[in-house]
Amino acid sequence: MSCSRLTITDRIKIETYLKLGLKPCQIASKIDVHKATISRELRRCQNGYSAGLAQEQYDHRAKQKGRAAISLNKSQW
């Protein structure tokens, strides 16, 4: 099992395997990740799984990550 994040390719595979009727544990073994990874990924998309939407959500969260910018008034300089 790998410890890396899911790629867009992995997400497309998840979507395809779901359409074929595979269970999350079967999908996990096919793409070589833990079954909890698949369960969490599916839980994030509440209205059916879409690889494109899941990737957009990931990209947005990654962009928002990090320390917040500090805004200073002139009096605080």
PDB file of N, CA and C in Angstrom:
ATOM      1  N   MET A   1       0.829  -1.187   0.000  1.00  0.00           N
ATOM      2  CA  MET A   1       0.000   0.000   0.000  1.00  0.00           C
ATOM      3  C   MET A   1       0.868   1.244   0.000  1.00  0.00           C
ATOM      4  N   SER A   2       0.427   2.200  -0.764  1.00  0.00           N
ATOM      5  CA  SER A   2       1.182   3.443  -0.813  1.00  0.00           C
ATOM      6  C   SER A   2       0.600   4.449   0.173  1.00  0.00           C
ATOM      7  N   CYS A   3       1.409   5.393   0.581  1.00  0.00           N
ATOM      8  CA  CYS A   3       0.979   6.415   1.537  1.00  0.00           C
ATOM      9  C   CYS A   3       0.803   7.763   0.865  1.00  0.00           C
ATOM     10  N   SER A   4       0.842   7.797  -0.451  1.00  0.00           N
ATOM     11  CA  SER A   4       0.714   9.072  -1.147  1.00  0.00           C
ATOM     12  C   SER A   4      -0.759   9.457  -1.303  1.00  0.00           C
ATOM     13  N   ARG A   5      -0.968  10.684  -1.703  1.00  0.00           N
ATOM     14  CA  ARG A   5      -2.326  11.169  -1.907  1.00  0.00           C
ATOM     15  C   ARG A   5      -2.889  10.588  -3.195  1.00  0.00           C
ATOM     16  N   LEU A   6      -4.221  10.614  -3.301  1.00  0.00           N
ATOM     17  CA  LEU A   6      -4.864  10.123  -4.509  1.00  0.00           C
ATOM     18  C   LEU A   6      -4.628  11.108  -5.652  1.00  0.00           C
ATOM     19  N   THR A   7      -4.338  10.578  -6.817  1.00  0.00           N
ATOM     20  CA  THR A   7      -4.140  11.406  -8.002  1.00  0.00           C
ATOM     21  C   THR A   7      -5.441  11.443  -8.790  1.00  0.00           C
ATOM     22  N   ILE A   8      -5.486  12.266  -9.818  1.00  0.00           N
ATOM     23  CA  ILE A   8      -6.672  12.311 -10.672  1.00  0.00           C
ATOM     24  C   ILE A   8      -6.885  10.954 -11.337  1.00  0.00           C
ATOM     25  N   THR A   9      -5.799  10.262 -11.669  1.00  0.00           N
ATOM     26  CA  THR A   9      -5.905   8.924 -12.262  1.00  0.00           C
ATOM     27  C   THR A   9      -6.562   7.960 -11.289  1.00  0.00           C
ATOM     28  N   ASP A  10      -6.160   8.016 -10.017  1.00  0.00           N
ATOM     29  CA  ASP A  10      -6.774   7.167  -8.993  1.00  0.00           C
ATOM     30  C   ASP A  10      -8.259   7.477  -8.863  1.00  0.00           C
ATOM     31  N   ARG A  11      -8.595   8.754  -8.890  1.00  0.00           N
ATOM     32  CA  ARG A  11      -9.996   9.156  -8.740  1.00  0.00           C
ATOM     33  C   ARG A  11     -10.838   8.687  -9.923  1.00  0.00           C
ATOM     34  N   ILE A  12     -10.273   8.729 -11.112  1.00  0.00           N
ATOM     35  CA  ILE A  12     -10.986   8.229 -12.292  1.00  0.00           C
ATOM     36  C   ILE A  12     -11.207   6.726 -12.166  1.00  0.00           C
ATOM     37  N   LYS A  13     -10.197   6.011 -11.672  1.00  0.00           N
ATOM     38  CA  LYS A  13     -10.344   4.569 -11.454  1.00  0.00           C
ATOM     39  C   LYS A  13     -11.436   4.288 -10.429  1.00  0.00           C
ATOM     40  N   ILE A  14     -11.474   5.070  -9.343  1.00  0.00           N
ATOM     41  CA  ILE A  14     -12.506   4.883  -8.322  1.00  0.00           C
ATOM     42  C   ILE A  14     -13.883   5.060  -8.945  1.00  0.00           C
ATOM     43  N   GLU A  15     -14.048   6.124  -9.720  1.00  0.00           N
ATOM     44  CA  GLU A  15     -15.338   6.391 -10.363  1.00  0.00           C
ATOM     45  C   GLU A  15     -15.733   5.244 -11.296  1.00  0.00           C
ATOM     46  N   THR A  16     -14.782   4.759 -12.077  1.00  0.00           N
ATOM     47  CA  THR A  16     -15.048   3.661 -13.008  1.00  0.00           C
ATOM     48  C   THR A  16     -15.426   2.384 -12.270  1.00  0.00           C
ATOM     49  N   TYR A  17     -14.665   2.038 -11.245  1.00  0.00           N
ATOM     50  CA  TYR A  17     -14.950   0.826 -10.478  1.00  0.00           C
ATOM     51  C   TYR A  17     -16.293   0.911  -9.764  1.00  0.00           C
ATOM     52  N   LEU A  18     -16.664   2.099  -9.304  1.00  0.00           N
ATOM     53  CA  LEU A  18     -17.977   2.263  -8.670  1.00  0.00           C
ATOM     54  C   LEU A  18     -19.095   2.008  -9.672  1.00  0.00           C
ATOM     55  N   LYS A  19     -18.917   2.509 -10.897  1.00  0.00           N
ATOM     56  CA  LYS A  19     -19.920   2.291 -11.947  1.00  0.00           C
ATOM     57  C   LYS A  19     -20.033   0.816 -12.305  1.00  0.00           C
ATOM     58  N   LEU A  20     -18.931   0.082 -12.147  1.00  0.00           N
ATOM     59  CA  LEU A  20     -18.949  -1.360 -12.415  1.00  0.00           C
ATOM     60  C   LEU A  20     -19.532  -2.153 -11.249  1.00  0.00           C
ATOM     61  N   GLY A  21     -19.803  -1.474 -10.132  1.00  0.00           N
ATOM     62  CA  GLY A  21     -20.436  -2.121  -8.991  1.00  0.00           C
ATOM     63  C   GLY A  21     -19.492  -2.715  -7.964  1.00  0.00           C
ATOM     64  N   LEU A  22     -18.224  -2.354  -8.010  1.00  0.00           N
ATOM     65  CA  LEU A  22     -17.281  -2.877  -7.023  1.00  0.00           C
ATOM     66  C   LEU A  22     -17.482  -2.199  -5.675  1.00  0.00           C
ATOM     67  N   LYS A  23     -17.188  -2.930  -4.619  1.00  0.00           N
ATOM     68  CA  LYS A  23     -17.280  -2.405  -3.259  1.00  0.00           C
ATOM     69  C   LYS A  23     -15.997  -1.643  -2.933  1.00  0.00           C
ATOM     70  N   PRO A  24     -16.079  -0.723  -1.951  1.00  0.00           N
ATOM     71  CA  PRO A  24     -14.887   0.063  -1.598  1.00  0.00           C
ATOM     72  C   PRO A  24     -13.656  -0.777  -1.261  1.00  0.00           C
ATOM     73  N   CYS A  25     -13.837  -1.901  -0.574  1.00  0.00           N
ATOM     74  CA  CYS A  25     -12.667  -2.727  -0.238  1.00  0.00           C
ATOM     75  C   CYS A  25     -12.051  -3.355  -1.492  1.00  0.00           C
ATOM     76  N   GLN A  26     -12.875  -3.680  -2.488  1.00  0.00           N
ATOM     77  CA  GLN A  26     -12.353  -4.228  -3.742  1.00  0.00           C
ATOM     78  C   GLN A  26     -11.604  -3.148  -4.531  1.00  0.00           C
ATOM     79  N   ILE A  27     -12.166  -1.944  -4.527  1.00  0.00           N
ATOM     80  CA  ILE A  27     -11.517  -0.819  -5.213  1.00  0.00           C
ATOM     81  C   ILE A  27     -10.164  -0.530  -4.569  1.00  0.00           C
ATOM     82  N   ALA A  28     -10.132  -0.551  -3.241  1.00  0.00           N
ATOM     83  CA  ALA A  28      -8.892  -0.277  -2.508  1.00  0.00           C
ATOM     84  C   ALA A  28      -7.793  -1.256  -2.898  1.00  0.00           C
ATOM     85  N   SER A  29      -8.131  -2.524  -3.001  1.00  0.00           N
ATOM     86  CA  SER A  29      -7.105  -3.504  -3.361  1.00  0.00           C
ATOM     87  C   SER A  29      -6.650  -3.328  -4.810  1.00  0.00           C
ATOM     88  N   LYS A  30      -7.542  -2.884  -5.691  1.00  0.00           N
ATOM     89  CA  LYS A  30      -7.172  -2.697  -7.094  1.00  0.00           C
ATOM     90  C   LYS A  30      -6.239  -1.500  -7.303  1.00  0.00           C
ATOM     91  N   ILE A  31      -6.440  -0.426  -6.521  1.00  0.00           N
ATOM     92  CA  ILE A  31      -5.560   0.736  -6.701  1.00  0.00           C
ATOM     93  C   ILE A  31      -4.498   0.821  -5.610  1.00  0.00           C
ATOM     94  N   ASP A  32      -4.418  -0.211  -4.783  1.00  0.00           N
ATOM     95  CA  ASP A  32      -3.357  -0.373  -3.783  1.00  0.00           C
ATOM     96  C   ASP A  32      -3.327   0.749  -2.743  1.00  0.00           C
ATOM     97  N   VAL A  33      -4.499   0.994  -2.143  1.00  0.00           N
ATOM     98  CA  VAL A  33      -4.603   1.917  -1.008  1.00  0.00           C
ATOM     99  C   VAL A  33      -5.437   1.240   0.069  1.00  0.00           C
ATOM    100  N   HIS A  34      -5.432   1.790   1.262  1.00  0.00           N
ATOM    101  CA  HIS A  34      -6.221   1.234   2.357  1.00  0.00           C
ATOM    102  C   HIS A  34      -7.704   1.497   2.095  1.00  0.00           C
ATOM    103  N   LYS A  35      -8.551   0.588   2.551  1.00  0.00           N
ATOM    104  CA  LYS A  35      -9.989   0.738   2.305  1.00  0.00           C
ATOM    105  C   LYS A  35     -10.558   1.990   2.968  1.00  0.00           C
ATOM    106  N   ALA A  36      -9.944   2.453   4.053  1.00  0.00           N
ATOM    107  CA  ALA A  36     -10.395   3.686   4.709  1.00  0.00           C
ATOM    108  C   ALA A  36     -10.182   4.900   3.799  1.00  0.00           C
ATOM    109  N   THR A  37      -9.150   4.859   2.973  1.00  0.00           N
ATOM    110  CA  THR A  37      -8.888   5.949   2.033  1.00  0.00           C
ATOM    111  C   THR A  37     -10.046   6.080   1.054  1.00  0.00           C
ATOM    112  N   ILE A  38     -10.515   4.951   0.559  1.00  0.00           N
ATOM    113  CA  ILE A  38     -11.639   4.946  -0.379  1.00  0.00           C
ATOM    114  C   ILE A  38     -12.908   5.409   0.322  1.00  0.00           C
ATOM    115  N   SER A  39     -13.136   4.918   1.522  1.00  0.00           N
ATOM    116  CA  SER A  39     -14.336   5.308   2.276  1.00  0.00           C
ATOM    117  C   SER A  39     -14.369   6.811   2.528  1.00  0.00           C
ATOM    118  N   ARG A  40     -13.241   7.383   2.927  1.00  0.00           N
ATOM    119  CA  ARG A  40     -13.179   8.832   3.157  1.00  0.00           C
ATOM    120  C   ARG A  40     -13.413   9.605   1.864  1.00  0.00           C
ATOM    121  N   GLU A  41     -12.831   9.126   0.793  1.00  0.00           N
ATOM    122  CA  GLU A  41     -12.987   9.792  -0.502  1.00  0.00           C
ATOM    123  C   GLU A  41     -14.455   9.785  -0.935  1.00  0.00           C
ATOM    124  N   LEU A  42     -15.126   8.669  -0.735  1.00  0.00           N
ATOM    125  CA  LEU A  42     -16.535   8.566  -1.119  1.00  0.00           C
ATOM    126  C   LEU A  42     -17.419   9.418  -0.212  1.00  0.00           C
ATOM    127  N   ARG A  43     -17.058   9.519   1.049  1.00  0.00           N
ATOM    128  CA  ARG A  43     -17.832  10.311   2.003  1.00  0.00           C
ATOM    129  C   ARG A  43     -17.768  11.800   1.670  1.00  0.00           C
ATOM    130  N   ARG A  44     -16.679  12.239   1.078  1.00  0.00           N
ATOM    131  CA  ARG A  44     -16.522  13.659   0.745  1.00  0.00           C
ATOM    132  C   ARG A  44     -17.475  14.101  -0.363  1.00  0.00           C
ATOM    133  N   CYS A  45     -17.823  13.201  -1.254  1.00  0.00           N
ATOM    134  CA  CYS A  45     -18.736  13.516  -2.364  1.00  0.00           C
ATOM    135  C   CYS A  45     -20.113  12.967  -2.015  1.00  0.00           C
ATOM    136  N   GLN A  46     -20.994  13.834  -1.575  1.00  0.00           N
ATOM    137  CA  GLN A  46     -22.261  13.387  -1.019  1.00  0.00           C
ATOM    138  C   GLN A  46     -23.311  13.024  -2.067  1.00  0.00           C
ATOM    139  N   ASN A  47     -23.281  13.649  -3.236  1.00  0.00           N
ATOM    140  CA  ASN A  47     -24.310  13.398  -4.252  1.00  0.00           C
ATOM    141  C   ASN A  47     -23.785  12.519  -5.378  1.00  0.00           C
ATOM    142  N   GLY A  48     -23.202  11.387  -5.047  1.00  0.00           N
ATOM    143  CA  GLY A  48     -22.605  10.525  -6.054  1.00  0.00           C
ATOM    144  C   GLY A  48     -21.170  10.941  -6.307  1.00  0.00           C
ATOM    145  N   TYR A  49     -20.331  10.001  -6.654  1.00  0.00           N
ATOM    146  CA  TYR A  49     -18.906  10.279  -6.803  1.00  0.00           C
ATOM    147  C   TYR A  49     -18.592  10.758  -8.207  1.00  0.00           C
ATOM    148  N   SER A  50     -17.832  11.820  -8.297  1.00  0.00           N
ATOM    149  CA  SER A  50     -17.342  12.348  -9.564  1.00  0.00           C
ATOM    150  C   SER A  50     -15.853  12.638  -9.403  1.00  0.00           C
ATOM    151  N   ALA A  51     -15.032  12.015 -10.234  1.00  0.00           N
ATOM    152  CA  ALA A  51     -13.584  12.191 -10.140  1.00  0.00           C
ATOM    153  C   ALA A  51     -13.189  13.649 -10.354  1.00  0.00           C
ATOM    154  N   GLY A  52     -13.810  14.298 -11.320  1.00  0.00           N
ATOM    155  CA  GLY A  52     -13.488  15.693 -11.607  1.00  0.00           C
ATOM    156  C   GLY A  52     -13.823  16.615 -10.449  1.00  0.00           C
ATOM    157  N   LEU A  53     -15.001  16.417  -9.865  1.00  0.00           N
ATOM    158  CA  LEU A  53     -15.419  17.237  -8.732  1.00  0.00           C
ATOM    159  C   LEU A  53     -14.532  16.977  -7.518  1.00  0.00           C
ATOM    160  N   ALA A  54     -14.202  15.718  -7.283  1.00  0.00           N
ATOM    161  CA  ALA A  54     -13.332  15.371  -6.159  1.00  0.00           C
ATOM    162  C   ALA A  54     -11.961  16.026  -6.311  1.00  0.00           C
ATOM    163  N   GLN A  55     -11.434  16.057  -7.528  1.00  0.00           N
ATOM    164  CA  GLN A  55     -10.131  16.684  -7.769  1.00  0.00           C
ATOM    165  C   GLN A  55     -10.212  18.198  -7.574  1.00  0.00           C
ATOM    166  N   GLU A  56     -11.320  18.805  -8.025  1.00  0.00           N
ATOM    167  CA  GLU A  56     -11.505  20.245  -7.821  1.00  0.00           C
ATOM    168  C   GLU A  56     -11.539  20.583  -6.335  1.00  0.00           C
ATOM    169  N   GLN A  57     -12.256  19.773  -5.555  1.00  0.00           N
ATOM    170  CA  GLN A  57     -12.330  19.993  -4.115  1.00  0.00           C
ATOM    171  C   GLN A  57     -10.946  19.862  -3.486  1.00  0.00           C
ATOM    172  N   TYR A  58     -10.188  18.860  -3.905  1.00  0.00           N
ATOM    173  CA  TYR A  58      -8.834  18.665  -3.385  1.00  0.00           C
ATOM    174  C   TYR A  58      -7.954  19.875  -3.705  1.00  0.00           C
ATOM    175  N   ASP A  59      -8.004  20.326  -4.956  1.00  0.00           N
ATOM    176  CA  ASP A  59      -7.187  21.470  -5.368  1.00  0.00           C
ATOM    177  C   ASP A  59      -7.556  22.724  -4.578  1.00  0.00           C
ATOM    178  N   HIS A  60      -8.847  22.935  -4.366  1.00  0.00           N
ATOM    179  CA  HIS A  60      -9.306  24.107  -3.612  1.00  0.00           C
ATOM    180  C   HIS A  60      -8.810  24.054  -2.171  1.00  0.00           C
ATOM    181  N   ARG A  61      -8.950  22.889  -1.533  1.00  0.00           N
ATOM    182  CA  ARG A  61      -8.486  22.744  -0.147  1.00  0.00           C
ATOM    183  C   ARG A  61      -6.976  22.920  -0.052  1.00  0.00           C
ATOM    184  N   ALA A  62      -6.243  22.415  -1.026  1.00  0.00           N
ATOM    185  CA  ALA A  62      -4.783  22.541  -1.011  1.00  0.00           C
ATOM    186  C   ALA A  62      -4.371  24.004  -1.154  1.00  0.00           C
ATOM    187  N   LYS A  63      -5.115  24.739  -1.954  1.00  0.00           N
ATOM    188  CA  LYS A  63      -4.819  26.150  -2.162  1.00  0.00           C
ATOM    189  C   LYS A  63      -5.103  26.970  -0.899  1.00  0.00           C
ATOM    190  N   GLN A  64      -6.118  26.581  -0.141  1.00  0.00           N
ATOM    191  CA  GLN A  64      -6.514  27.300   1.071  1.00  0.00           C
ATOM    192  C   GLN A  64      -5.621  26.979   2.266  1.00  0.00           C
ATOM    193  N   LYS A  65      -4.842  25.925   2.154  1.00  0.00           N
ATOM    194  CA  LYS A  65      -4.012  25.458   3.253  1.00  0.00           C
ATOM    195  C   LYS A  65      -2.878  26.435   3.549  1.00  0.00           C
ATOM    196  N   GLY A  66      -2.454  26.476   4.785  1.00  0.00           N
ATOM    197  CA  GLY A  66      -1.312  27.299   5.161  1.00  0.00           C
ATOM    198  C   GLY A  66      -1.696  28.349   6.179  1.00  0.00           C
ATOM    199  N   ARG A  67      -0.737  29.149   6.530  1.00  0.00           N
ATOM    200  CA  ARG A  67      -0.967  30.203   7.518  1.00  0.00           C
ATOM    201  C   ARG A  67      -1.752  31.350   6.902  1.00  0.00           C
ATOM    202  N   ALA A  68      -2.625  31.931   7.692  1.00  0.00           N
ATOM    203  CA  ALA A  68      -3.394  33.086   7.242  1.00  0.00           C
ATOM    204  C   ALA A  68      -2.498  34.318   7.211  1.00  0.00           C
ATOM    205  N   ALA A  69      -2.756  35.181   6.270  1.00  0.00           N
ATOM    206  CA  ALA A  69      -1.989  36.423   6.162  1.00  0.00           C
ATOM    207  C   ALA A  69      -2.376  37.356   7.301  1.00  0.00           C
ATOM    208  N   ILE A  70      -1.405  38.059   7.819  1.00  0.00           N
ATOM    209  CA  ILE A  70      -1.647  39.005   8.904  1.00  0.00           C
ATOM    210  C   ILE A  70      -1.815  40.387   8.291  1.00  0.00           C
ATOM    211  N   SER A  71      -2.930  41.028   8.601  1.00  0.00           N
ATOM    212  CA  SER A  71      -3.128  42.384   8.091  1.00  0.00           C
ATOM    213  C   SER A  71      -2.838  43.379   9.215  1.00  0.00           C
ATOM    214  N   LEU A  72      -2.021  44.351   8.911  1.00  0.00           N
ATOM    215  CA  LEU A  72      -1.620  45.349   9.903  1.00  0.00           C
ATOM    216  C   LEU A  72      -2.143  46.726   9.517  1.00  0.00           C
ATOM    217  N   ASN A  73      -2.558  47.479  10.515  1.00  0.00           N
ATOM    218  CA  ASN A  73      -2.927  48.884  10.305  1.00  0.00           C
ATOM    219  C   ASN A  73      -1.639  49.697  10.262  1.00  0.00           C
ATOM    220  N   LYS A  74      -1.764  50.935   9.815  1.00  0.00           N
ATOM    221  CA  LYS A  74      -0.581  51.806   9.828  1.00  0.00           C
ATOM    222  C   LYS A  74      -0.097  52.040  11.248  1.00  0.00           C
ATOM    223  N   SER A  75      -1.022  52.063  12.204  1.00  0.00           N
ATOM    224  CA  SER A  75      -0.637  52.298  13.596  1.00  0.00           C
ATOM    225  C   SER A  75       0.148  51.116  14.178  1.00  0.00           C
ATOM    226  N   GLN A  76       0.042  49.956  13.567  1.00  0.00           N
ATOM    227  CA  GLN A  76       0.739  48.770  14.063  1.00  0.00           C
ATOM    228  C   GLN A  76       2.137  48.619  13.461  1.00  0.00           C
ATOM    229  N   TRP A  77       2.504  49.454  12.514  1.00  0.00           N
ATOM    230  CA  TRP A  77       3.821  49.375  11.884  1.00  0.00           C
ATOM    231  C   TRP A  77       4.818  49.794  12.850  1.00  0.00           C
TER     232      TRP A  77
END
